[in-house]
C-alpha atoms as a PDB file:
ATOM      1  CA  MET A   1     176.992 -78.920  94.706  1.00  0.00           C
ATOM      2  CA  ALA A   2     175.673 -82.455  94.742  1.00  0.00           C
ATOM      3  CA  ASP A   3     172.396 -81.610  93.007  1.00  0.00           C
ATOM      4  CA  THR A   4     173.930 -79.941  89.961  1.00  0.00           C
ATOM      5  CA  LEU A   5     175.386 -81.145  86.712  1.00  0.00           C
ATOM      6  CA  GLN A   6     177.835 -79.462  84.369  1.00  0.00           C
ATOM      7  CA  PHE A   7     176.005 -78.025  81.351  1.00  0.00           C
ATOM      8  CA  ASP A   8     177.863 -77.107  78.169  1.00  0.00           C
ATOM      9  CA  LEU A   9     176.168 -75.656  75.094  1.00  0.00           C
ATOM     10  CA  VAL A  10     178.281 -75.144  71.993  1.00  0.00           C
ATOM     11  CA  THR A  11     177.695 -74.347  68.341  1.00  0.00           C
ATOM     12  CA  PRO A  12     180.224 -74.464  65.507  1.00  0.00           C
ATOM     13  CA  GLU A  13     180.746 -70.717  66.067  1.00  0.00           C
ATOM     14  CA  ARG A  14     180.987 -70.406  69.854  1.00  0.00           C
ATOM     15  CA  ARG A  15     180.436 -71.699  73.372  1.00  0.00           C
ATOM     16  CA  LEU A  16     177.196 -70.291  74.762  1.00  0.00           C
ATOM     17  CA  ALA A  17     177.213 -71.878  78.214  1.00  0.00           C
ATOM     18  CA  SER A  18     179.498 -73.800  80.524  1.00  0.00           C
ATOM     19  CA  VAL A  19     177.863 -73.668  83.952  1.00  0.00           C
ATOM     20  CA  PRO A  20     176.550 -75.858  86.774  1.00  0.00           C
ATOM     21  CA  VAL A  21     172.758 -76.287  86.571  1.00  0.00           C
ATOM     22  CA  THR A  22     170.046 -78.161  88.418  1.00  0.00           C
ATOM     23  CA  GLU A  23     168.101 -79.077  85.285  1.00  0.00           C
ATOM     24  CA  VAL A  24     168.024 -78.616  81.523  1.00  0.00           C
ATOM     25  CA  GLN A  25     164.868 -78.986  79.433  1.00  0.00           C
ATOM     26  CA  ILE A  26     165.764 -80.192  75.935  1.00  0.00           C
ATOM     27  CA  PRO A  27     163.669 -80.272  72.740  1.00  0.00           C
ATOM     28  CA  GLY A  28     164.504 -83.864  71.794  1.00  0.00           C
ATOM     29  CA  ALA A  29     163.604 -85.225  68.386  1.00  0.00           C
ATOM     30  CA  GLU A  30     161.584 -87.990  70.078  1.00  0.00           C
ATOM     31  CA  GLY A  31     160.006 -85.569  72.552  1.00  0.00           C
ATOM     32  CA  ASP A  32     160.953 -83.039  75.177  1.00  0.00           C
ATOM     33  CA  MET A  33     163.009 -84.253  78.107  1.00  0.00           C
ATOM     34  CA  THR A  34     164.489 -82.865  81.303  1.00  0.00           C
ATOM     35  CA  VAL A  35     168.004 -83.811  82.380  1.00  0.00           C
ATOM     36  CA  MET A  36     168.975 -83.497  86.042  1.00  0.00           C
ATOM     37  CA  ALA A  37     171.931 -84.680  88.127  1.00  0.00           C
ATOM     38  CA  GLY A  38     172.172 -88.463  88.054  1.00  0.00           C
ATOM     39  CA  HIS A  39     170.324 -88.822  84.725  1.00  0.00           C
ATOM     40  CA  ALA A  40     170.893 -92.114  82.944  1.00  0.00           C
ATOM     41  CA  PRO A  41     173.500 -91.909  80.165  1.00  0.00           C
ATOM     42  CA  THR A  42     171.632 -90.771  77.075  1.00  0.00           C
ATOM     43  CA  ILE A  43     172.372 -89.464  73.600  1.00  0.00           C
ATOM     44  CA  THR A  44     169.563 -87.838  71.647  1.00  0.00           C
ATOM     45  CA  THR A  45     169.090 -85.685  68.595  1.00  0.00           C
ATOM     46  CA  LEU A  46     167.465 -82.282  68.932  1.00  0.00           C
ATOM     47  CA  ARG A  47     164.645 -80.752  66.951  1.00  0.00           C
ATOM     48  CA  PRO A  48     164.163 -76.992  66.632  1.00  0.00           C
ATOM     49  CA  GLY A  49     162.843 -75.727  69.953  1.00  0.00           C
ATOM     50  CA  ILE A  50     163.492 -73.931  73.204  1.00  0.00           C
ATOM     51  CA  LEU A  51     166.232 -75.229  75.495  1.00  0.00           C
ATOM     52  CA  ARG A  52     165.952 -74.069  79.118  1.00  0.00           C
ATOM     53  CA  ALA A  53     168.696 -74.378  81.727  1.00  0.00           C
ATOM     54  CA  ILE A  54     167.971 -73.686  85.378  1.00  0.00           C
ATOM     55  CA  GLY A  55     170.700 -73.277  87.931  1.00  0.00           C
ATOM     56  CA  PRO A  56     172.091 -71.245  90.796  1.00  0.00           C
ATOM     57  CA  GLN A  57     172.795 -68.356  88.393  1.00  0.00           C
ATOM     58  CA  GLY A  58     169.142 -68.254  87.266  1.00  0.00           C
ATOM     59  CA  HIS A  59     167.366 -69.267  84.072  1.00  0.00           C
ATOM     60  CA  MET A  60     168.927 -69.358  80.613  1.00  0.00           C
ATOM     61  CA  THR A  61     166.782 -69.841  77.528  1.00  0.00           C
ATOM     62  CA  PHE A  62     168.089 -70.637  74.050  1.00  0.00           C
ATOM     63  CA  ALA A  63     166.445 -71.214  70.679  1.00  0.00           C
ATOM     64  CA  VAL A  64     168.145 -74.227  69.061  1.00  0.00           C
ATOM     65  CA  THR A  65     167.667 -75.398  65.483  1.00  0.00           C
ATOM     66  CA  GLY A  66     168.854 -78.982  65.958  1.00  0.00           C
ATOM     67  CA  GLY A  67     171.910 -80.944  67.004  1.00  0.00           C
ATOM     68  CA  PHE A  68     172.754 -83.540  69.640  1.00  0.00           C
ATOM     69  CA  ALA A  69     172.693 -83.817  73.425  1.00  0.00           C
ATOM     70  CA  GLU A  70     174.704 -86.251  75.533  1.00  0.00           C
ATOM     71  CA  ALA A  71     173.976 -86.806  79.209  1.00  0.00           C
ATOM     72  CA  SER A  72     176.695 -88.781  80.934  1.00  0.00           C
ATOM     73  CA  GLY A  73     176.888 -88.956  84.692  1.00  0.00           C
ATOM     74  CA  PRO A  74     177.586 -85.510  86.091  1.00  0.00           C
ATOM     75  CA  SER A  75     177.364 -83.583  82.809  1.00  0.00           C
ATOM     76  CA  LEU A  76     175.221 -82.652  79.829  1.00  0.00           C
ATOM     77  CA  SER A  77     176.805 -81.543  76.572  1.00  0.00           C
ATOM     78  CA  VAL A  78     174.661 -80.017  73.843  1.00  0.00           C
ATOM     79  CA  LEU A  79     176.151 -79.625  70.381  1.00  0.00           C
ATOM     80  CA  ALA A  80     173.700 -77.392  68.533  1.00  0.00           C
ATOM     81  CA  GLU A  81     173.588 -76.631  64.812  1.00  0.00           C
ATOM     82  CA  GLN A  82     172.597 -73.095  65.775  1.00  0.00           C
ATOM     83  CA  ALA A  83     171.665 -71.668  69.170  1.00  0.00           C
ATOM     84  CA  ILE A  84     170.601 -68.158  70.041  1.00  0.00           C
ATOM     85  CA  PRO A  85     169.936 -66.799  73.517  1.00  0.00           C
ATOM     86  CA  VAL A  86     166.229 -65.938  73.319  1.00  0.00           C
ATOM     87  CA  ASP A  87     166.854 -62.507  74.828  1.00  0.00           C
ATOM     88  CA  GLU A  88     169.235 -61.743  71.915  1.00  0.00           C
ATOM     89  CA  ALA A  89     166.852 -63.004  69.213  1.00  0.00           C
ATOM     90  CA  ASN A  90     164.385 -61.035  67.116  1.00  0.00           C
ATOM     91  CA  ALA A  91     161.700 -61.670  64.510  1.00  0.00           C
ATOM     92  CA  THR A  92     164.138 -61.133  61.630  1.00  0.00           C
ATOM     93  CA  ILE A  93     166.403 -63.952  62.819  1.00  0.00           C
ATOM     94  CA  PHE A  94     163.476 -66.369  63.037  1.00  0.00           C
ATOM     95  CA  ASP A  95     162.097 -65.247  59.659  1.00  0.00           C
ATOM     96  CA  GLU A  96     165.514 -65.952  58.089  1.00  0.00           C
ATOM     97  CA  LEU A  97     165.669 -69.430  59.659  1.00  0.00           C
ATOM     98  CA  VAL A  98     162.177 -70.280  58.375  1.00  0.00           C
ATOM     99  CA  ALA A  99     162.929 -68.894  54.902  1.00  0.00           C
ATOM    100  CA  GLU A 100     166.131 -70.943  54.665  1.00  0.00           C
ATOM    101  CA  ALA A 101     164.306 -74.116  55.744  1.00  0.00           C
ATOM    102  CA  ARG A 102     161.531 -73.449  53.193  1.00  0.00           C
ATOM    103  CA  SER A 103     164.122 -73.036  50.436  1.00  0.00           C
ATOM    104  CA  LEU A 104     165.723 -76.348  51.364  1.00  0.00           C
ATOM    105  CA  SER A 105     162.318 -78.031  51.506  1.00  0.00           C
ATOM    106  CA  GLU A 106     161.478 -76.853  47.985  1.00  0.00           C
ATOM    107  CA  VAL A 107     164.541 -78.594  46.535  1.00  0.00           C
ATOM    108  CA  ALA A 108     164.407 -81.696  48.755  1.00  0.00           C
ATOM    109  CA  LEU A 109     164.166 -85.073  47.109  1.00  0.00           C
ATOM    110  CA  PRO A 110     160.693 -86.625  47.325  1.00  0.00           C
ATOM    111  CA  GLU A 111     161.843 -89.122  49.968  1.00  0.00           C
ATOM    112  CA  ASP A 112     163.230 -86.265  52.100  1.00  0.00           C
ATOM    113  CA  ARG A 113     160.323 -83.836  51.639  1.00  0.00           C
ATOM    114  CA  ALA A 114     158.384 -84.877  54.775  1.00  0.00           C
ATOM    115  CA  MET A 115     161.436 -84.370  56.988  1.00  0.00           C
ATOM    116  CA  ALA A 116     162.184 -80.998  55.368  1.00  0.00           C
ATOM    117  CA  ASP A 117     158.570 -79.866  55.800  1.00  0.00           C
ATOM    118  CA  LYS A 118     158.666 -80.939  59.463  1.00  0.00           C
ATOM    119  CA  LYS A 119     161.752 -78.788  60.021  1.00  0.00           C
ATOM    120  CA  VAL A 120     159.879 -75.796  58.581  1.00  0.00           C
ATOM    121  CA  ALA A 121     156.929 -76.482  60.890  1.00  0.00           C
ATOM    122  CA  ASP A 122     159.260 -76.934  63.889  1.00  0.00           C
ATOM    123  CA  LEU A 123     160.990 -73.611  63.154  1.00  0.00           C
ATOM    124  CA  ILE A 124     157.638 -71.830  62.897  1.00  0.00           C
ATOM    125  CA  ALA A 125     156.668 -73.341  66.258  1.00  0.00           C
ATOM    126  CA  LEU A 126     160.054 -72.292  67.674  1.00  0.00           C
ATOM    127  CA  ARG A 127     159.440 -68.707  66.548  1.00  0.00           C
ATOM    128  CA  ALA A 128     156.063 -68.720  68.313  1.00  0.00           C
ATOM    129  CA  ALA A 129     157.516 -70.319  71.472  1.00  0.00           C
ATOM    130  CA  ALA A 130     160.177 -67.596  71.587  1.00  0.00           C
ATOM    131  CA  GLY A 131     157.463 -64.942  71.341  1.00  0.00           C
ATOM    132  CA  TYR A 132     158.033 -63.814  67.767  1.00  0.00           C
END
């Protein structure tokens, strides 16, 4: 399949996807981006958000909390801090993620507080984007 790229999504706990896809929409830290076959080599950090992969097998949607993505030629590898298939998620999971981020924000050093508060806001937006 000339118009596909190999997509791999892994977390420290497990591999969530290893499939050919036509495109992957990534929540990049600098902004959302779409990776397709032939994409320029790129490495980016991820912010909390929805990652969507579209391929011959259909659509896959994951909630990711952060991590890295590397596009290189015919493949895209995403190394996520945490990733949950949206159809397996629930409000409790998102509430726990937000509560943990709030706890970390409360004890963050003053110079790190803005980044910690942004993570809380991004996780709240992720919960809403996932429909919870």
